[in-house]
Amino acid sequence: MNKYFRFYVDEKEIYSGDLSEVPEGVRKVIIEDLSEWAGSLGKRGLNELVYSHLIWYEKKGTYCVGCAYWYDEGENCSNCGASLIKRFMYERNENLDMILTCIGMITRVEVSN
């Protein structure tokens, strides 16, 4: 059975959905934790819980645009010689951006089946 989530900042809904934007491995854990704790945590605890499960989304890495390869570090690609850039490791998503923009202000998360 799929869970459905609504995130609120005061009375404004900032997210509604099944968290399908979150990669499978992370999604399972966040769904379990939010289902168990969302109704009983205070604002601070709730925001910490959400943030701790979405920290992966903010991770940046060193990337070669020329050959689409990730590096631990460096200035130039050892494969094609192109300059490496720092970029987010995960594709940006408007819904996740909104949740993270509002971290610290989320007042409640409703969970339904």
Protein backbone atom coordinates (compact mmCIF):
# COMPACT_ATOMS: atom_id res chain seq x y z
CA MET A 1 0.00 0.00 0.00
CA ASN A 2 1.46 3.38 -1.03
CA LYS A 3 1.73 6.17 1.51
CA TYR A 4 0.80 9.73 0.61
CA PHE A 5 2.50 12.70 2.27
CA ARG A 6 1.61 16.35 2.72
CA PHE A 7 4.25 18.75 4.04
CA TYR A 8 3.09 22.07 5.51
CA VAL A 9 4.62 25.37 6.51
CA ASP A 10 1.95 26.72 8.82
CA GLU A 11 -1.22 26.24 6.73
CA LYS A 12 0.49 26.34 3.33
CA GLU A 13 1.02 22.97 1.66
CA ILE A 14 4.51 22.85 0.14
CA TYR A 15 4.49 19.22 -0.99
CA SER A 16 1.97 16.49 -1.63
CA GLY A 17 2.78 13.12 -3.09
CA ASP A 18 4.22 9.68 -2.54
CA LEU A 19 7.90 10.76 -2.40
CA SER A 20 8.53 9.10 -5.76
CA GLU A 21 11.14 11.84 -6.40
CA VAL A 22 13.38 10.17 -3.81
CA PRO A 23 15.60 7.25 -4.97
CA GLU A 24 14.22 3.83 -4.04
CA GLY A 25 16.75 2.92 -1.33
CA VAL A 26 16.36 6.21 0.52
CA ARG A 27 12.59 6.37 -0.07
CA LYS A 28 11.85 3.19 1.85
CA VAL A 29 13.57 4.47 5.00
CA ILE A 30 12.10 7.98 4.88
CA ILE A 31 8.60 6.56 4.34
CA GLU A 32 9.01 4.25 7.34
CA ASP A 33 10.40 7.00 9.57
CA LEU A 34 7.86 9.65 8.57
CA SER A 35 5.02 7.15 8.93
CA GLU A 36 6.16 6.33 12.45
CA TRP A 37 7.32 9.73 13.72
CA ALA A 38 5.68 12.57 11.75
CA GLY A 39 2.67 12.80 14.06
CA SER A 40 4.61 12.75 17.31
CA LEU A 41 7.66 14.94 16.70
CA GLY A 42 7.73 18.64 17.42
CA LYS A 43 8.66 21.12 14.71
CA ARG A 44 12.40 20.97 15.36
CA GLY A 45 12.53 17.16 15.48
CA LEU A 46 10.40 16.87 12.37
CA ASN A 47 12.63 19.24 10.40
CA GLU A 48 15.75 17.39 11.58
CA LEU A 49 14.22 14.07 10.54
CA VAL A 50 13.33 15.33 7.07
CA TYR A 51 16.70 17.02 6.56
CA SER A 52 18.67 13.97 7.70
CA HIS A 53 16.86 11.86 5.09
CA LEU A 54 17.39 14.38 2.26
CA ILE A 55 21.03 15.33 2.88
CA TRP A 56 22.10 13.07 -0.03
CA TYR A 57 20.24 15.42 -2.40
CA GLU A 58 22.61 18.32 -1.61
CA LYS A 59 25.80 16.33 -2.26
CA LYS A 60 28.13 17.73 -4.92
CA GLY A 61 30.86 15.99 -6.84
CA THR A 62 33.56 16.65 -9.43
CA TYR A 63 32.25 15.89 -12.91
CA CYS A 64 33.57 15.81 -16.46
CA VAL A 65 31.02 17.21 -18.90
CA GLY A 66 32.97 15.82 -21.85
CA CYS A 67 32.79 12.14 -20.96
CA ALA A 68 30.16 12.18 -18.16
CA TYR A 69 32.42 10.69 -15.52
CA TRP A 70 32.53 11.46 -11.78
CA TYR A 71 35.87 12.01 -10.02
CA ASP A 72 36.77 12.23 -6.35
CA GLU A 73 38.82 15.33 -7.06
CA GLY A 74 41.05 17.00 -9.59
CA GLU A 75 41.07 19.79 -12.14
CA ASN A 76 41.15 17.90 -15.44
CA CYS A 77 39.61 14.67 -16.67
CA SER A 78 42.18 11.88 -16.90
CA ASN A 79 40.19 10.38 -19.79
CA CYS A 80 39.57 13.32 -22.15
CA GLY A 81 41.54 16.19 -20.56
CA ALA A 82 38.53 18.50 -20.19
CA SER A 83 38.16 20.74 -17.16
CA LEU A 84 36.16 19.25 -14.31
CA ILE A 85 33.27 21.08 -12.69
CA LYS A 86 31.57 20.82 -9.30
CA ARG A 87 27.90 19.95 -9.61
CA PHE A 88 25.08 18.28 -7.76
CA MET A 89 25.33 14.51 -7.98
CA TYR A 90 21.56 14.07 -8.22
CA GLU A 91 19.20 15.60 -10.75
CA ARG A 92 17.41 18.65 -9.38
CA ASN A 93 13.74 18.24 -8.58
CA GLU A 94 11.34 21.10 -7.94
CA ASN A 95 9.48 19.25 -5.17
CA LEU A 96 12.61 18.29 -3.24
CA ASP A 97 14.00 21.80 -3.72
CA MET A 98 10.86 23.21 -2.09
CA ILE A 99 11.10 20.87 0.90
CA LEU A 100 14.76 21.75 1.45
CA THR A 101 14.11 25.46 0.95
CA CYS A 102 11.57 25.23 3.76
CA ILE A 103 13.68 23.12 6.13
CA GLY A 104 13.42 24.75 9.52
CA MET A 105 9.91 26.06 8.76
CA ILE A 106 7.99 22.79 8.19
CA THR A 107 5.31 22.64 10.86
CA ARG A 108 3.74 19.27 10.11
CA VAL A 109 3.73 16.29 7.78
CA GLU A 110 0.51 14.37 7.25
CA VAL A 111 0.73 10.72 6.25
CA SER A 112 -2.16 8.81 4.72
CA ASN A 113 -2.66 5.52 2.88
